C-alpha cells in the first residue's frame, strides 16, 4: 500500500488547524489504495497554535515539528 505524506504548514492557525486536520482525517485514502501520514510544521506561531498542537492526542500517523524561529 502506498503511503501519502500530507504536509501541513502552520503559522498562527489556532482557529483553523482543528478543522484542517478534521477534513484530512475524513478522506478515505484506502479507497485509493493508500494510507496517509500527516506532518504538521508549526513555523513559530505566536497565537497559541503550538500549545494547541501539543495537546493533540498522540497518533502514530501524525507528526508535529516545531520551528524555533519563523522561517517564512
PDB file of N, CA and C in Angstrom:
ATOM      1  N   UNK A   1       0.853  -1.184   0.000  1.00  0.00           N
ATOM      2  CA  UNK A   1       0.000   0.000   0.000  1.00  0.00           C
ATOM      3  C   UNK A   1       0.895   1.243   0.000  1.00  0.00           C
ATOM      4  N   UNK A   2       0.553   2.193  -0.795  1.00  0.00           N
ATOM      5  CA  UNK A   2       1.275   3.455  -0.885  1.00  0.00           C
ATOM      6  C   UNK A   2       0.938   4.342   0.305  1.00  0.00           C
ATOM      7  N   UNK A   3       1.945   5.030   0.821  1.00  0.00           N
ATOM      8  CA  UNK A   3       1.711   5.995   1.898  1.00  0.00           C
ATOM      9  C   UNK A   3       1.877   7.399   1.342  1.00  0.00           C
ATOM     10  N   UNK A   4       0.855   8.215   1.517  1.00  0.00           N
ATOM     11  CA  UNK A   4       0.919   9.618   1.113  1.00  0.00           C
ATOM     12  C   UNK A   4       1.367  10.444   2.311  1.00  0.00           C
ATOM     13  N   UNK A   5       2.300  11.333   2.100  1.00  0.00           N
ATOM     14  CA  UNK A   5       2.728  12.262   3.147  1.00  0.00           C
ATOM     15  C   UNK A   5       2.031  13.585   2.907  1.00  0.00           C
ATOM     16  N   UNK A   6       1.217  13.980   3.865  1.00  0.00           N
ATOM     17  CA  UNK A   6       0.479  15.238   3.757  1.00  0.00           C
ATOM     18  C   UNK A   6       1.163  16.241   4.668  1.00  0.00           C
ATOM     19  N   UNK A   7       1.741  17.269   4.073  1.00  0.00           N
ATOM     20  CA  UNK A   7       2.467  18.295   4.813  1.00  0.00           C
ATOM     21  C   UNK A   7       1.515  19.453   5.078  1.00  0.00           C
ATOM     22  N   UNK A   8       1.396  19.833   6.348  1.00  0.00           N
ATOM     23  CA  UNK A   8       0.510  20.927   6.735  1.00  0.00           C
ATOM     24  C   UNK A   8       1.360  22.030   7.367  1.00  0.00           C
ATOM     25  N   UNK A   9       1.727  23.056   6.594  1.00  0.00           N
ATOM     26  CA  UNK A   9       2.451  24.180   7.191  1.00  0.00           C
ATOM     27  C   UNK A   9       1.481  25.004   8.034  1.00  0.00           C
ATOM     28  N   UNK A  10       1.930  25.440   9.194  1.00  0.00           N
ATOM     29  CA  UNK A  10       1.031  26.194  10.077  1.00  0.00           C
ATOM     30  C   UNK A  10       1.757  27.388  10.678  1.00  0.00           C
ATOM     31  N   UNK A  11       1.167  28.548  10.514  1.00  0.00           N
ATOM     32  CA  UNK A  11       1.651  29.753  11.180  1.00  0.00           C
ATOM     33  C   UNK A  11       0.419  30.528  11.639  1.00  0.00           C
ATOM     34  N   UNK A  12       0.270  30.648  12.939  1.00  0.00           N
ATOM     35  CA  UNK A  12      -0.875  31.348  13.532  1.00  0.00           C
ATOM     36  C   UNK A  12      -2.201  30.796  13.000  1.00  0.00           C
ATOM     37  N   UNK A  13      -2.371  29.485  13.137  1.00  0.00           N
ATOM     38  CA  UNK A  13      -3.571  28.792  12.649  1.00  0.00           C
ATOM     39  C   UNK A  13      -4.416  28.234  13.791  1.00  0.00           C
ATOM     40  N   UNK A  14      -4.321  28.829  14.957  1.00  0.00           N
ATOM     41  CA  UNK A  14      -5.042  28.326  16.131  1.00  0.00           C
ATOM     42  C   UNK A  14      -6.527  28.106  15.845  1.00  0.00           C
ATOM     43  N   UNK A  15      -7.133  29.003  15.123  1.00  0.00           N
ATOM     44  CA  UNK A  15      -8.575  28.932  14.894  1.00  0.00           C
ATOM     45  C   UNK A  15      -8.964  28.040  13.718  1.00  0.00           C
ATOM     46  N   UNK A  16      -7.995  27.569  12.937  1.00  0.00           N
ATOM     47  CA  UNK A  16      -8.338  26.762  11.759  1.00  0.00           C
ATOM     48  C   UNK A  16      -7.691  25.378  11.732  1.00  0.00           C
ATOM     49  N   UNK A  17      -6.657  25.148  12.516  1.00  0.00           N
ATOM     50  CA  UNK A  17      -5.909  23.890  12.405  1.00  0.00           C
ATOM     51  C   UNK A  17      -6.782  22.676  12.726  1.00  0.00           C
ATOM     52  N   UNK A  18      -7.686  22.796  13.680  1.00  0.00           N
ATOM     53  CA  UNK A  18      -8.573  21.682  14.013  1.00  0.00           C
ATOM     54  C   UNK A  18      -9.447  21.282  12.842  1.00  0.00           C
ATOM     55  N   UNK A  19     -10.009  22.264  12.167  1.00  0.00           N
ATOM     56  CA  UNK A  19     -10.856  21.995  11.002  1.00  0.00           C
ATOM     57  C   UNK A  19     -10.039  21.388   9.866  1.00  0.00           C
ATOM     58  N   UNK A  20      -8.843  21.893   9.663  1.00  0.00           N
ATOM     59  CA  UNK A  20      -7.973  21.364   8.607  1.00  0.00           C
ATOM     60  C   UNK A  20      -7.685  19.891   8.858  1.00  0.00           C
ATOM     61  N   UNK A  21      -7.282  19.559  10.082  1.00  0.00           N
ATOM     62  CA  UNK A  21      -6.960  18.169  10.402  1.00  0.00           C
ATOM     63  C   UNK A  21      -8.197  17.278  10.314  1.00  0.00           C
ATOM     64  N   UNK A  22      -9.327  17.783  10.736  1.00  0.00           N
ATOM     65  CA  UNK A  22     -10.573  17.027  10.654  1.00  0.00           C
ATOM     66  C   UNK A  22     -10.915  16.689   9.203  1.00  0.00           C
ATOM     67  N   UNK A  23     -10.739  17.643   8.318  1.00  0.00           N
ATOM     68  CA  UNK A  23     -11.030  17.404   6.894  1.00  0.00           C
ATOM     69  C   UNK A  23     -10.081  16.362   6.305  1.00  0.00           C
ATOM     70  N   UNK A  24      -8.820  16.421   6.681  1.00  0.00           N
ATOM     71  CA  UNK A  24      -7.857  15.426   6.190  1.00  0.00           C
ATOM     72  C   UNK A  24      -8.238  14.043   6.707  1.00  0.00           C
ATOM     73  N   UNK A  25      -8.602  13.952   7.986  1.00  0.00           N
ATOM     74  CA  UNK A  25      -8.955  12.667   8.598  1.00  0.00           C
ATOM     75  C   UNK A  25     -10.191  12.038   7.954  1.00  0.00           C
ATOM     76  N   UNK A  26     -11.069  12.833   7.390  1.00  0.00           N
ATOM     77  CA  UNK A  26     -12.292  12.310   6.771  1.00  0.00           C
ATOM     78  C   UNK A  26     -12.060  11.696   5.389  1.00  0.00           C
ATOM     79  N   UNK A  27     -10.917  11.942   4.792  1.00  0.00           N
ATOM     80  CA  UNK A  27     -10.635  11.389   3.464  1.00  0.00           C
ATOM     81  C   UNK A  27     -10.383   9.882   3.592  1.00  0.00           C
ATOM     82  N   UNK A  28     -11.019   9.103   2.739  1.00  0.00           N
ATOM     83  CA  UNK A  28     -10.841   7.650   2.726  1.00  0.00           C
ATOM     84  C   UNK A  28      -9.691   7.306   1.779  1.00  0.00           C
ATOM     85  N   UNK A  29      -8.485   7.384   2.288  1.00  0.00           N
ATOM     86  CA  UNK A  29      -7.312   7.120   1.459  1.00  0.00           C
ATOM     87  C   UNK A  29      -7.263   5.662   1.000  1.00  0.00           C
ATOM     88  N   UNK A  30      -7.826   4.755   1.792  1.00  0.00           N
ATOM     89  CA  UNK A  30      -7.840   3.337   1.419  1.00  0.00           C
ATOM     90  C   UNK A  30      -8.595   3.118   0.108  1.00  0.00           C
ATOM     91  N   UNK A  31      -9.573   3.957  -0.173  1.00  0.00           N
ATOM     92  CA  UNK A  31     -10.318   3.850  -1.432  1.00  0.00           C
ATOM     93  C   UNK A  31      -9.407   4.079  -2.636  1.00  0.00           C
ATOM     94  N   UNK A  32      -8.281   4.726  -2.399  1.00  0.00           N
ATOM     95  CA  UNK A  32      -7.302   4.986  -3.462  1.00  0.00           C
ATOM     96  C   UNK A  32      -6.114   4.034  -3.357  1.00  0.00           C
ATOM     97  N   UNK A  33      -6.218   3.046  -2.478  1.00  0.00           N
ATOM     98  CA  UNK A  33      -5.117   2.105  -2.286  1.00  0.00           C
ATOM     99  C   UNK A  33      -3.948   2.714  -1.552  1.00  0.00           C
ATOM    100  N   UNK A  34      -4.231   3.650  -0.658  1.00  0.00           N
ATOM    101  CA  UNK A  34      -3.155   4.356   0.040  1.00  0.00           C
ATOM    102  C   UNK A  34      -3.501   4.548   1.517  1.00  0.00           C
ATOM    103  N   UNK A  35      -2.471   4.807   2.278  1.00  0.00           N
ATOM    104  CA  UNK A  35      -2.638   5.272   3.651  1.00  0.00           C
ATOM    105  C   UNK A  35      -2.005   6.661   3.695  1.00  0.00           C
ATOM    106  N   UNK A  36      -2.156   7.333   4.813  1.00  0.00           N
ATOM    107  CA  UNK A  36      -1.630   8.700   4.880  1.00  0.00           C
ATOM    108  C   UNK A  36      -0.896   8.935   6.186  1.00  0.00           C
ATOM    109  N   UNK A  37       0.158   9.714   6.092  1.00  0.00           N
ATOM    110  CA  UNK A  37       0.811  10.248   7.279  1.00  0.00           C
ATOM    111  C   UNK A  37       0.661  11.763   7.188  1.00  0.00           C
ATOM    112  N   UNK A  38       0.407  12.384   8.322  1.00  0.00           N
ATOM    113  CA  UNK A  38       0.217  13.831   8.360  1.00  0.00           C
ATOM    114  C   UNK A  38       1.399  14.433   9.103  1.00  0.00           C
ATOM    115  N   UNK A  39       2.058  15.377   8.471  1.00  0.00           N
ATOM    116  CA  UNK A  39       3.198  16.062   9.078  1.00  0.00           C
ATOM    117  C   UNK A  39       2.840  17.535   9.191  1.00  0.00           C
ATOM    118  N   UNK A  40       2.697  17.997  10.423  1.00  0.00           N
ATOM    119  CA  UNK A  40       2.347  19.394  10.680  1.00  0.00           C
ATOM    120  C   UNK A  40       3.628  20.117  11.064  1.00  0.00           C
ATOM    121  N   UNK A  41       3.877  21.252  10.424  1.00  0.00           N
ATOM    122  CA  UNK A  41       5.070  22.039  10.736  1.00  0.00           C
ATOM    123  C   UNK A  41       4.629  23.401  11.238  1.00  0.00           C
ATOM    124  N   UNK A  42       4.813  23.612  12.540  1.00  0.00           N
ATOM    125  CA  UNK A  42       4.475  24.905  13.132  1.00  0.00           C
ATOM    126  C   UNK A  42       5.662  25.840  12.944  1.00  0.00           C
ATOM    127  N   UNK A  43       5.443  26.946  12.268  1.00  0.00           N
ATOM    128  CA  UNK A  43       6.511  27.891  11.926  1.00  0.00           C
ATOM    129  C   UNK A  43       6.604  29.014  12.962  1.00  0.00           C
ATOM    130  N   UNK A  44       6.797  28.613  14.229  1.00  0.00           N
ATOM    131  CA  UNK A  44       6.953  29.571  15.341  1.00  0.00           C
ATOM    132  C   UNK A  44       5.720  30.461  15.504  1.00  0.00           C
ATOM    133  N   UNK A  45       4.556  29.828  15.502  1.00  0.00           N
ATOM    134  CA  UNK A  45       3.303  30.577  15.675  1.00  0.00           C
ATOM    135  C   UNK A  45       3.308  31.357  16.982  1.00  0.00           C
ATOM    136  N   UNK A  46       2.614  32.492  16.970  1.00  0.00           N
ATOM    137  CA  UNK A  46       2.535  33.372  18.134  1.00  0.00           C
ATOM    138  C   UNK A  46       1.136  33.432  18.740  1.00  0.00           C
ATOM    139  N   UNK A  47       0.179  32.689  18.172  1.00  0.00           N
ATOM    140  CA  UNK A  47      -1.224  32.819  18.586  1.00  0.00           C
ATOM    141  C   UNK A  47      -1.743  31.655  19.422  1.00  0.00           C
ATOM    142  N   UNK A  48      -0.878  30.747  19.834  1.00  0.00           N
ATOM    143  CA  UNK A  48      -1.314  29.594  20.608  1.00  0.00           C
ATOM    144  C   UNK A  48      -1.433  28.317  19.789  1.00  0.00           C
ATOM    145  N   UNK A  49      -1.074  28.378  18.518  1.00  0.00           N
ATOM    146  CA  UNK A  49      -1.125  27.183  17.671  1.00  0.00           C
ATOM    147  C   UNK A  49      -0.241  26.082  18.246  1.00  0.00           C
ATOM    148  N   UNK A  50       0.967  26.441  18.640  1.00  0.00           N
ATOM    149  CA  UNK A  50       1.916  25.461  19.188  1.00  0.00           C
ATOM    150  C   UNK A  50       1.318  24.752  20.399  1.00  0.00           C
ATOM    151  N   UNK A  51       0.755  25.522  21.307  1.00  0.00           N
ATOM    152  CA  UNK A  51       0.184  24.945  22.519  1.00  0.00           C
ATOM    153  C   UNK A  51      -0.992  24.022  22.187  1.00  0.00           C
ATOM    154  N   UNK A  52      -1.793  24.414  21.226  1.00  0.00           N
ATOM    155  CA  UNK A  52      -2.913  23.580  20.797  1.00  0.00           C
ATOM    156  C   UNK A  52      -2.404  22.272  20.200  1.00  0.00           C
ATOM    157  N   UNK A  53      -1.382  22.351  19.362  1.00  0.00           N
ATOM    158  CA  UNK A  53      -0.819  21.151  18.744  1.00  0.00           C
ATOM    159  C   UNK A  53      -0.212  20.222  19.790  1.00  0.00           C
ATOM    160  N   UNK A  54       0.392  20.785  20.823  1.00  0.00           N
ATOM    161  CA  UNK A  54       1.000  19.969  21.874  1.00  0.00           C
ATOM    162  C   UNK A  54      -0.047  19.190  22.661  1.00  0.00           C
ATOM    163  N   UNK A  55      -1.292  19.644  22.639  1.00  0.00           N
ATOM    164  CA  UNK A  55      -2.375  18.974  23.361  1.00  0.00           C
ATOM    165  C   UNK A  55      -3.083  17.911  22.521  1.00  0.00           C
ATOM    166  N   UNK A  56      -2.717  17.799  21.248  1.00  0.00           N
ATOM    167  CA  UNK A  56      -3.345  16.780  20.404  1.00  0.00           C
ATOM    168  C   UNK A  56      -3.021  15.392  20.945  1.00  0.00           C
ATOM    169  N   UNK A  57      -3.987  14.483  20.916  1.00  0.00           N
ATOM    170  CA  UNK A  57      -3.680  13.115  21.337  1.00  0.00           C
ATOM    171  C   UNK A  57      -2.660  12.493  20.382  1.00  0.00           C
ATOM    172  N   UNK A  58      -1.773  11.693  20.933  1.00  0.00           N
ATOM    173  CA  UNK A  58      -0.744  11.043  20.113  1.00  0.00           C
ATOM    174  C   UNK A  58      -1.403  10.078  19.131  1.00  0.00           C
ATOM    175  N   UNK A  59      -0.996  10.175  17.882  1.00  0.00           N
ATOM    176  CA  UNK A  59      -1.483   9.279  16.838  1.00  0.00           C
ATOM    177  C   UNK A  59      -0.279   8.843  16.016  1.00  0.00           C
ATOM    178  N   UNK A  60      -0.166   7.554  15.720  1.00  0.00           N
ATOM    179  CA  UNK A  60       1.029   7.078  15.019  1.00  0.00           C
ATOM    180  C   UNK A  60       1.206   7.650  13.617  1.00  0.00           C
ATOM    181  N   UNK A  61       0.130   8.136  13.003  1.00  0.00           N
ATOM    182  CA  UNK A  61       0.234   8.653  11.632  1.00  0.00           C
ATOM    183  C   UNK A  61       0.341  10.184  11.587  1.00  0.00           C
ATOM    184  N   UNK A  62       0.478  10.816  12.756  1.00  0.00           N
ATOM    185  CA  UNK A  62       0.582  12.280  12.812  1.00  0.00           C
ATOM    186  C   UNK A  62       1.882  12.671  13.508  1.00  0.00           C
ATOM    187  N   UNK A  63       2.661  13.517  12.845  1.00  0.00           N
ATOM    188  CA  UNK A  63       3.895  14.058  13.422  1.00  0.00           C
ATOM    189  C   UNK A  63       3.796  15.572  13.432  1.00  0.00           C
ATOM    190  N   UNK A  64       4.331  16.178  14.477  1.00  0.00           N
ATOM    191  CA  UNK A  64       4.341  17.640  14.555  1.00  0.00           C
ATOM    192  C   UNK A  64       5.781  18.093  14.753  1.00  0.00           C
ATOM    193  N   UNK A  65       6.214  19.002  13.901  1.00  0.00           N
ATOM    194  CA  UNK A  65       7.547  19.592  14.001  1.00  0.00           C
ATOM    195  C   UNK A  65       7.393  21.061  14.349  1.00  0.00           C
ATOM    196  N   UNK A  66       8.304  21.571  15.158  1.00  0.00           N
ATOM    197  CA  UNK A  66       8.221  22.962  15.600  1.00  0.00           C
ATOM    198  C   UNK A  66       9.491  23.710  15.209  1.00  0.00           C
ATOM    199  N   UNK A  67       9.323  24.835  14.539  1.00  0.00           N
ATOM    200  CA  UNK A  67      10.449  25.726  14.276  1.00  0.00           C
ATOM    201  C   UNK A  67      10.588  26.678  15.459  1.00  0.00           C
ATOM    202  N   UNK A  68      11.818  26.930  15.888  1.00  0.00           N
ATOM    203  CA  UNK A  68      12.057  27.895  16.970  1.00  0.00           C
ATOM    204  C   UNK A  68      11.818  29.318  16.497  1.00  0.00           C
ATOM    205  N   UNK A  69      12.149  29.570  15.244  1.00  0.00           N
ATOM    206  CA  UNK A  69      12.023  30.913  14.668  1.00  0.00           C
ATOM    207  C   UNK A  69      11.210  30.817  13.383  1.00  0.00           C
ATOM    208  N   UNK A  70      10.436  31.835  13.108  1.00  0.00           N
ATOM    209  CA  UNK A  70       9.647  31.868  11.884  1.00  0.00           C
ATOM    210  C   UNK A  70      10.580  31.876  10.686  1.00  0.00           C
ATOM    211  N   UNK A  71      10.310  30.989   9.754  1.00  0.00           N
ATOM    212  CA  UNK A  71      11.168  30.878   8.568  1.00  0.00           C
ATOM    213  C   UNK A  71      10.471  31.326   7.296  1.00  0.00           C
ATOM    214  N   UNK A  72       9.259  31.853   7.453  1.00  0.00           N
ATOM    215  CA  UNK A  72       8.560  32.436   6.316  1.00  0.00           C
ATOM    216  C   UNK A  72       8.010  31.515   5.310  1.00  0.00           C
TER     217      UNK A  72
END
